[in-house]
PDB file of N, CA and C in Angstrom:
ATOM      1  N   MET A   1     122.855  41.335  78.638  1.00  0.00           N
ATOM      2  CA  MET A   1     122.227  42.607  78.627  1.00  0.00           C
ATOM      3  C   MET A   1     121.175  43.047  79.470  1.00  0.00           C
ATOM      4  N   ALA A   2     121.473  43.434  80.459  1.00  0.00           N
ATOM      5  CA  ALA A   2     120.321  43.565  81.653  1.00  0.00           C
ATOM      6  C   ALA A   2     119.876  44.921  81.535  1.00  0.00           C
ATOM      7  N   THR A   3     118.469  45.163  81.893  1.00  0.00           N
ATOM      8  CA  THR A   3     117.871  46.518  81.902  1.00  0.00           C
ATOM      9  C   THR A   3     118.001  47.035  83.216  1.00  0.00           C
ATOM     10  N   ASN A   4     117.912  48.534  83.426  1.00  0.00           N
ATOM     11  CA  ASN A   4     117.780  48.994  84.232  1.00  0.00           C
ATOM     12  C   ASN A   4     116.513  49.239  85.162  1.00  0.00           C
ATOM     13  N   LYS A   5     115.786  48.376  86.155  1.00  0.00           N
ATOM     14  CA  LYS A   5     114.879  48.679  87.039  1.00  0.00           C
ATOM     15  C   LYS A   5     114.432  50.061  87.139  1.00  0.00           C
ATOM     16  N   GLN A   6     115.275  50.836  87.835  1.00  0.00           N
ATOM     17  CA  GLN A   6     114.977  51.875  88.482  1.00  0.00           C
ATOM     18  C   GLN A   6     114.509  52.673  87.571  1.00  0.00           C
ATOM     19  N   LEU A   7     115.420  53.096  86.237  1.00  0.00           N
ATOM     20  CA  LEU A   7     115.102  53.750  85.300  1.00  0.00           C
ATOM     21  C   LEU A   7     113.721  53.369  84.518  1.00  0.00           C
ATOM     22  N   LEU A   8     113.642  52.261  84.314  1.00  0.00           N
ATOM     23  CA  LEU A   8     112.333  51.701  83.633  1.00  0.00           C
ATOM     24  C   LEU A   8     111.093  52.176  84.696  1.00  0.00           C
ATOM     25  N   GLY A   9     111.493  52.073  86.009  1.00  0.00           N
ATOM     26  CA  GLY A   9     109.978  52.636  86.831  1.00  0.00           C
ATOM     27  C   GLY A   9     109.865  54.014  86.884  1.00  0.00           C
ATOM     28  N   LYS A  10     111.000  54.946  86.923  1.00  0.00           N
ATOM     29  CA  LYS A  10     111.292  56.214  86.667  1.00  0.00           C
ATOM     30  C   LYS A  10     110.238  56.823  85.530  1.00  0.00           C
ATOM     31  N   GLY A  11     110.662  55.803  84.221  1.00  0.00           N
ATOM     32  CA  GLY A  11     109.846  56.041  83.046  1.00  0.00           C
ATOM     33  C   GLY A  11     108.918  56.052  83.123  1.00  0.00           C
ATOM     34  N   ILE A  12     107.962  54.866  84.053  1.00  0.00           N
ATOM     35  CA  ILE A  12     106.646  54.486  83.862  1.00  0.00           C
ATOM     36  C   ILE A  12     105.843  55.609  84.779  1.00  0.00           C
ATOM     37  N   LYS A  13     106.517  55.993  85.731  1.00  0.00           N
ATOM     38  CA  LYS A  13     106.034  57.086  86.704  1.00  0.00           C
ATOM     39  C   LYS A  13     105.769  58.540  85.764  1.00  0.00           C
ATOM     40  N   TYR A  14     106.423  58.699  84.982  1.00  0.00           N
ATOM     41  CA  TYR A  14     106.487  60.107  83.896  1.00  0.00           C
ATOM     42  C   TYR A  14     105.300  59.937  83.111  1.00  0.00           C
ATOM     43  N   LEU A  15     105.080  58.559  82.315  1.00  0.00           N
ATOM     44  CA  LEU A  15     103.904  58.083  81.417  1.00  0.00           C
ATOM     45  C   LEU A  15     102.441  58.215  82.837  1.00  0.00           C
ATOM     46  N   THR A  16     102.703  57.289  83.606  1.00  0.00           N
ATOM     47  CA  THR A  16     101.271  57.616  84.060  1.00  0.00           C
ATOM     48  C   THR A  16     101.006  58.988  84.722  1.00  0.00           C
ATOM     49  N   GLY A  17     102.118  59.765  84.786  1.00  0.00           N
ATOM     50  CA  GLY A  17     101.817  61.456  85.281  1.00  0.00           C
ATOM     51  C   GLY A  17     101.147  62.150  83.889  1.00  0.00           C
ATOM     52  N   ALA A  18     101.339  61.660  82.676  1.00  0.00           N
ATOM     53  CA  ALA A  18     101.083  62.348  81.670  1.00  0.00           C
ATOM     54  C   ALA A  18      99.648  61.450  81.382  1.00  0.00           C
ATOM     55  N   LEU A  19      99.026  60.607  81.479  1.00  0.00           N
ATOM     56  CA  LEU A  19      97.931  59.898  81.545  1.00  0.00           C
ATOM     57  C   LEU A  19      96.971  61.013  81.574  1.00  0.00           C
ATOM     58  N   PRO A  20      96.471  61.542  82.970  1.00  0.00           N
ATOM     59  CA  PRO A  20      95.380  62.035  83.182  1.00  0.00           C
ATOM     60  C   PRO A  20      95.439  63.532  82.470  1.00  0.00           C
ATOM     61  N   LEU A  21      96.817  64.193  82.078  1.00  0.00           N
ATOM     62  CA  LEU A  21      97.094  65.288  81.191  1.00  0.00           C
ATOM     63  C   LEU A  21      96.129  65.064  79.996  1.00  0.00           C
ATOM     64  N   MET A  22      96.365  64.102  79.506  1.00  0.00           N
ATOM     65  CA  MET A  22      96.152  63.794  77.870  1.00  0.00           C
ATOM     66  C   MET A  22      94.947  63.693  77.942  1.00  0.00           C
ATOM     67  N   PHE A  23      93.690  63.436  78.744  1.00  0.00           N
ATOM     68  CA  PHE A  23      92.455  63.739  79.036  1.00  0.00           C
ATOM     69  C   PHE A  23      91.922  65.024  79.106  1.00  0.00           C
ATOM     70  N   LEU A  24      92.937  65.663  80.267  1.00  0.00           N
ATOM     71  CA  LEU A  24      92.296  66.726  80.844  1.00  0.00           C
ATOM     72  C   LEU A  24      92.401  67.798  79.661  1.00  0.00           C
ATOM     73  N   GLY A  25      93.738  68.054  79.227  1.00  0.00           N
ATOM     74  CA  GLY A  25      93.653  69.211  78.433  1.00  0.00           C
ATOM     75  C   GLY A  25      92.961  69.259  76.902  1.00  0.00           C
ATOM     76  N   PRO A  26      92.541  68.187  76.285  1.00  0.00           N
ATOM     77  CA  PRO A  26      91.645  68.197  75.341  1.00  0.00           C
ATOM     78  C   PRO A  26      90.087  68.711  75.568  1.00  0.00           C
ATOM     79  N   SER A  27      89.718  68.312  76.765  1.00  0.00           N
ATOM     80  CA  SER A  27      88.774  68.452  77.272  1.00  0.00           C
ATOM     81  C   SER A  27      88.382  70.210  77.516  1.00  0.00           C
ATOM     82  N   LEU A  28      89.535  70.458  78.439  1.00  0.00           N
ATOM     83  CA  LEU A  28      89.648  71.964  78.658  1.00  0.00           C
ATOM     84  C   LEU A  28      89.399  72.753  77.618  1.00  0.00           C
ATOM     85  N   ILE A  29      89.977  72.275  76.300  1.00  0.00           N
ATOM     86  CA  ILE A  29      90.044  73.093  75.236  1.00  0.00           C
ATOM     87  C   ILE A  29      88.507  73.012  74.445  1.00  0.00           C
ATOM     88  N   TYR A  30      87.771  72.101  74.410  1.00  0.00           N
ATOM     89  CA  TYR A  30      87.031  71.689  73.883  1.00  0.00           C
ATOM     90  C   TYR A  30      85.635  72.830  74.907  1.00  0.00           C
ATOM     91  N   ASN A  31      85.854  72.762  76.355  1.00  0.00           N
ATOM     92  CA  ASN A  31      85.349  73.424  76.806  1.00  0.00           C
ATOM     93  C   ASN A  31      85.095  74.863  76.721  1.00  0.00           C
ATOM     94  N   ALA A  32      86.524  75.254  76.502  1.00  0.00           N
ATOM     95  CA  ALA A  32      86.452  76.985  76.378  1.00  0.00           C
ATOM     96  C   ALA A  32      86.076  77.432  75.017  1.00  0.00           C
ATOM     97  N   PHE A  33      86.162  76.214  74.115  1.00  0.00           N
ATOM     98  CA  PHE A  33      85.554  76.505  72.683  1.00  0.00           C
ATOM     99  C   PHE A  33      84.109  76.536  72.678  1.00  0.00           C
ATOM    100  N   GLN A  34      83.379  76.006  73.418  1.00  0.00           N
ATOM    101  CA  GLN A  34      81.925  75.866  73.844  1.00  0.00           C
ATOM    102  C   GLN A  34      81.444  76.968  74.327  1.00  0.00           C
ATOM    103  N   ASN A  35      82.119  77.444  75.227  1.00  0.00           N
ATOM    104  CA  ASN A  35      81.762  78.772  76.244  1.00  0.00           C
ATOM    105  C   ASN A  35      82.513  79.668  75.925  1.00  0.00           C
ATOM    106  N   GLN A  36      82.525  80.449  74.401  1.00  0.00           N
ATOM    107  CA  GLN A  36      83.012  81.688  74.308  1.00  0.00           C
ATOM    108  C   GLN A  36      82.407  82.766  74.763  1.00  0.00           C
ATOM    109  N   GLY A  37      81.115  82.893  75.261  1.00  0.00           N
ATOM    110  CA  GLY A  37      80.689  83.811  75.516  1.00  0.00           C
ATOM    111  C   GLY A  37      80.917  84.570  76.725  1.00  0.00           C
ATOM    112  N   ASN A  38      81.508  83.607  77.711  1.00  0.00           N
ATOM    113  CA  ASN A  38      82.144  83.334  79.020  1.00  0.00           C
ATOM    114  C   ASN A  38      83.470  84.260  79.351  1.00  0.00           C
ATOM    115  N   ASN A  39      83.540  85.278  80.282  1.00  0.00           N
ATOM    116  CA  ASN A  39      84.967  85.827  80.629  1.00  0.00           C
ATOM    117  C   ASN A  39      86.136  84.840  80.802  1.00  0.00           C
ATOM    118  N   TRP A  40      85.846  83.564  81.282  1.00  0.00           N
ATOM    119  CA  TRP A  40      87.025  83.082  81.721  1.00  0.00           C
ATOM    120  C   TRP A  40      87.542  82.135  80.109  1.00  0.00           C
ATOM    121  N   HIS A  41      86.980  82.424  79.131  1.00  0.00           N
ATOM    122  CA  HIS A  41      87.600  81.637  78.496  1.00  0.00           C
ATOM    123  C   HIS A  41      89.157  81.316  78.104  1.00  0.00           C
ATOM    124  N   TYR A  42      89.590  82.250  77.952  1.00  0.00           N
ATOM    125  CA  TYR A  42      91.005  82.756  77.352  1.00  0.00           C
ATOM    126  C   TYR A  42      91.923  81.944  78.269  1.00  0.00           C
ATOM    127  N   LEU A  43      91.234  82.117  80.095  1.00  0.00           N
ATOM    128  CA  LEU A  43      92.003  81.358  80.694  1.00  0.00           C
ATOM    129  C   LEU A  43      91.859  79.882  80.523  1.00  0.00           C
ATOM    130  N   VAL A  44      90.685  79.382  80.567  1.00  0.00           N
ATOM    131  CA  VAL A  44      90.603  77.948  80.604  1.00  0.00           C
ATOM    132  C   VAL A  44      91.077  77.128  79.135  1.00  0.00           C
ATOM    133  N   LEU A  45      91.143  78.083  78.416  1.00  0.00           N
ATOM    134  CA  LEU A  45      91.926  77.648  76.793  1.00  0.00           C
ATOM    135  C   LEU A  45      93.238  77.711  76.969  1.00  0.00           C
ATOM    136  N   GLY A  46      93.811  78.500  77.943  1.00  0.00           N
ATOM    137  CA  GLY A  46      95.524  78.635  78.179  1.00  0.00           C
ATOM    138  C   GLY A  46      95.758  77.238  79.207  1.00  0.00           C
ATOM    139  N   ILE A  47      94.753  76.917  80.180  1.00  0.00           N
ATOM    140  CA  ILE A  47      95.069  75.539  81.277  1.00  0.00           C
ATOM    141  C   ILE A  47      95.063  74.705  80.135  1.00  0.00           C
ATOM    142  N   GLY A  48      94.219  74.543  79.060  1.00  0.00           N
ATOM    143  CA  GLY A  48      94.005  73.456  78.460  1.00  0.00           C
ATOM    144  C   GLY A  48      95.354  73.247  77.622  1.00  0.00           C
ATOM    145  N   ILE A  49      95.869  74.179  77.020  1.00  0.00           N
ATOM    146  CA  ILE A  49      96.859  74.095  76.262  1.00  0.00           C
ATOM    147  C   ILE A  49      97.853  74.099  76.915  1.00  0.00           C
ATOM    148  N   VAL A  50      98.219  74.292  78.159  1.00  0.00           N
ATOM    149  CA  VAL A  50      99.358  74.218  78.673  1.00  0.00           C
ATOM    150  C   VAL A  50      99.492  72.735  79.779  1.00  0.00           C
ATOM    151  N   ALA A  51      98.264  72.232  79.624  1.00  0.00           N
ATOM    152  CA  ALA A  51      97.955  70.724  79.995  1.00  0.00           C
ATOM    153  C   ALA A  51      98.497  69.643  78.726  1.00  0.00           C
ATOM    154  N   CYS A  52      98.003  70.194  77.497  1.00  0.00           N
ATOM    155  CA  CYS A  52      98.309  69.312  76.576  1.00  0.00           C
ATOM    156  C   CYS A  52      99.960  69.299  76.376  1.00  0.00           C
ATOM    157  N   LEU A  53     100.671  70.461  76.475  1.00  0.00           N
ATOM    158  CA  LEU A  53     102.175  70.698  75.961  1.00  0.00           C
ATOM    159  C   LEU A  53     102.831  69.750  77.205  1.00  0.00           C
ATOM    160  N   GLY A  54     102.247  69.828  78.472  1.00  0.00           N
ATOM    161  CA  GLY A  54     102.853  69.173  79.483  1.00  0.00           C
ATOM    162  C   GLY A  54     102.837  67.886  79.368  1.00  0.00           C
ATOM    163  N   SER A  55     101.523  67.120  79.000  1.00  0.00           N
ATOM    164  CA  SER A  55     101.383  65.897  78.460  1.00  0.00           C
ATOM    165  C   SER A  55     102.407  65.500  77.545  1.00  0.00           C
ATOM    166  N   MET A  56     102.633  66.037  76.712  1.00  0.00           N
ATOM    167  CA  MET A  56     103.470  65.578  75.428  1.00  0.00           C
ATOM    168  C   MET A  56     104.956  65.679  75.591  1.00  0.00           C
ATOM    169  N   VAL A  57     105.313  67.105  76.823  1.00  0.00           N
ATOM    170  CA  VAL A  57     106.697  66.684  77.677  1.00  0.00           C
ATOM    171  C   VAL A  57     107.038  65.343  78.137  1.00  0.00           C
ATOM    172  N   LEU A  58     105.907  65.282  79.277  1.00  0.00           N
ATOM    173  CA  LEU A  58     105.877  64.235  80.233  1.00  0.00           C
ATOM    174  C   LEU A  58     106.227  63.129  79.068  1.00  0.00           C
ATOM    175  N   ILE A  59     105.527  62.684  78.336  1.00  0.00           N
ATOM    176  CA  ILE A  59     105.263  61.618  77.374  1.00  0.00           C
ATOM    177  C   ILE A  59     106.758  61.326  76.943  1.00  0.00           C
ATOM    178  N   PHE A  60     107.389  62.547  76.298  1.00  0.00           N
ATOM    179  CA  PHE A  60     108.694  62.500  75.794  1.00  0.00           C
ATOM    180  C   PHE A  60     109.890  62.003  76.567  1.00  0.00           C
ATOM    181  N   LEU A  61     109.693  62.936  78.139  1.00  0.00           N
ATOM    182  CA  LEU A  61     110.594  62.259  78.802  1.00  0.00           C
ATOM    183  C   LEU A  61     110.888  61.052  79.336  1.00  0.00           C
ATOM    184  N   GLY A  62     109.519  60.364  79.425  1.00  0.00           N
ATOM    185  CA  GLY A  62     109.346  59.184  80.144  1.00  0.00           C
ATOM    186  C   GLY A  62     109.370  58.127  78.888  1.00  0.00           C
ATOM    187  N   LEU A  63     109.455  58.454  77.660  1.00  0.00           N
ATOM    188  CA  LEU A  63     110.000  57.297  76.708  1.00  0.00           C
ATOM    189  C   LEU A  63     111.631  57.491  76.782  1.00  0.00           C
ATOM    190  N   LYS A  64     112.037  58.348  76.679  1.00  0.00           N
ATOM    191  CA  LYS A  64     113.567  58.853  76.735  1.00  0.00           C
ATOM    192  C   LYS A  64     114.143  57.928  78.165  1.00  0.00           C
ATOM    193  N   ILE A  65     113.669  58.413  79.171  1.00  0.00           N
ATOM    194  CA  ILE A  65     114.102  57.358  80.338  1.00  0.00           C
ATOM    195  C   ILE A  65     113.980  56.085  79.942  1.00  0.00           C
ATOM    196  N   ILE A  66     112.728  55.501  79.535  1.00  0.00           N
ATOM    197  CA  ILE A  66     112.752  53.793  79.441  1.00  0.00           C
ATOM    198  C   ILE A  66     113.693  53.656  78.521  1.00  0.00           C
ATOM    199  N   MET A  67     113.906  53.999  77.261  1.00  0.00           N
ATOM    200  CA  MET A  67     114.964  53.653  76.425  1.00  0.00           C
ATOM    201  C   MET A  67     116.070  53.555  77.148  1.00  0.00           C
ATOM    202  N   LYS A  68     116.413  54.612  77.874  1.00  0.00           N
ATOM    203  CA  LYS A  68     118.074  54.515  78.768  1.00  0.00           C
ATOM    204  C   LYS A  68     118.057  53.354  79.623  1.00  0.00           C
ATOM    205  N   GLY A  69     116.733  53.065  80.018  1.00  0.00           N
ATOM    206  CA  GLY A  69     116.891  51.757  81.186  1.00  0.00           C
ATOM    207  C   GLY A  69     116.765  50.656  80.187  1.00  0.00           C
ATOM    208  N   ILE A  70     116.617  50.601  79.314  1.00  0.00           N
ATOM    209  CA  ILE A  70     116.278  49.337  78.238  1.00  0.00           C
ATOM    210  C   ILE A  70     117.665  49.108  77.590  1.00  0.00           C
ATOM    211  N   PHE A  71     118.453  50.103  76.971  1.00  0.00           N
ATOM    212  CA  PHE A  71     119.585  49.635  76.296  1.00  0.00           C
ATOM    213  C   PHE A  71     120.806  50.194  76.963  1.00  0.00           C
ATOM    214  N   ASN A  72     120.672  50.489  78.210  1.00  0.00           N
ATOM    215  CA  ASN A  72     121.834  51.148  79.162  1.00  0.00           C
ATOM    216  C   ASN A  72     122.786  51.932  78.449  1.00  0.00           C
ATOM    217  N   ASP A  73     122.040  53.086  77.809  1.00  0.00           N
ATOM    218  CA  ASP A  73     122.761  54.303  77.162  1.00  0.00           C
ATOM    219  C   ASP A  73     123.366  54.903  78.799  1.00  0.00           C
TER     220      ASP A  73
END
């Protein structure tokens, strides 16, 4: 039972793309709640939420692709 190395590499690329978003999203959300008096509060909060959701989607897709590569599904 051999692994598909191309799918493994593709899945790892998705996970490396999610890594910066995992740190950027919560820090933007924290920054938005600390600066509620600013006019840009809702924009920064929205960008932080989108970054967190994007990170979760990329992690899910990356793990799904890695599992396909390992088990030849």
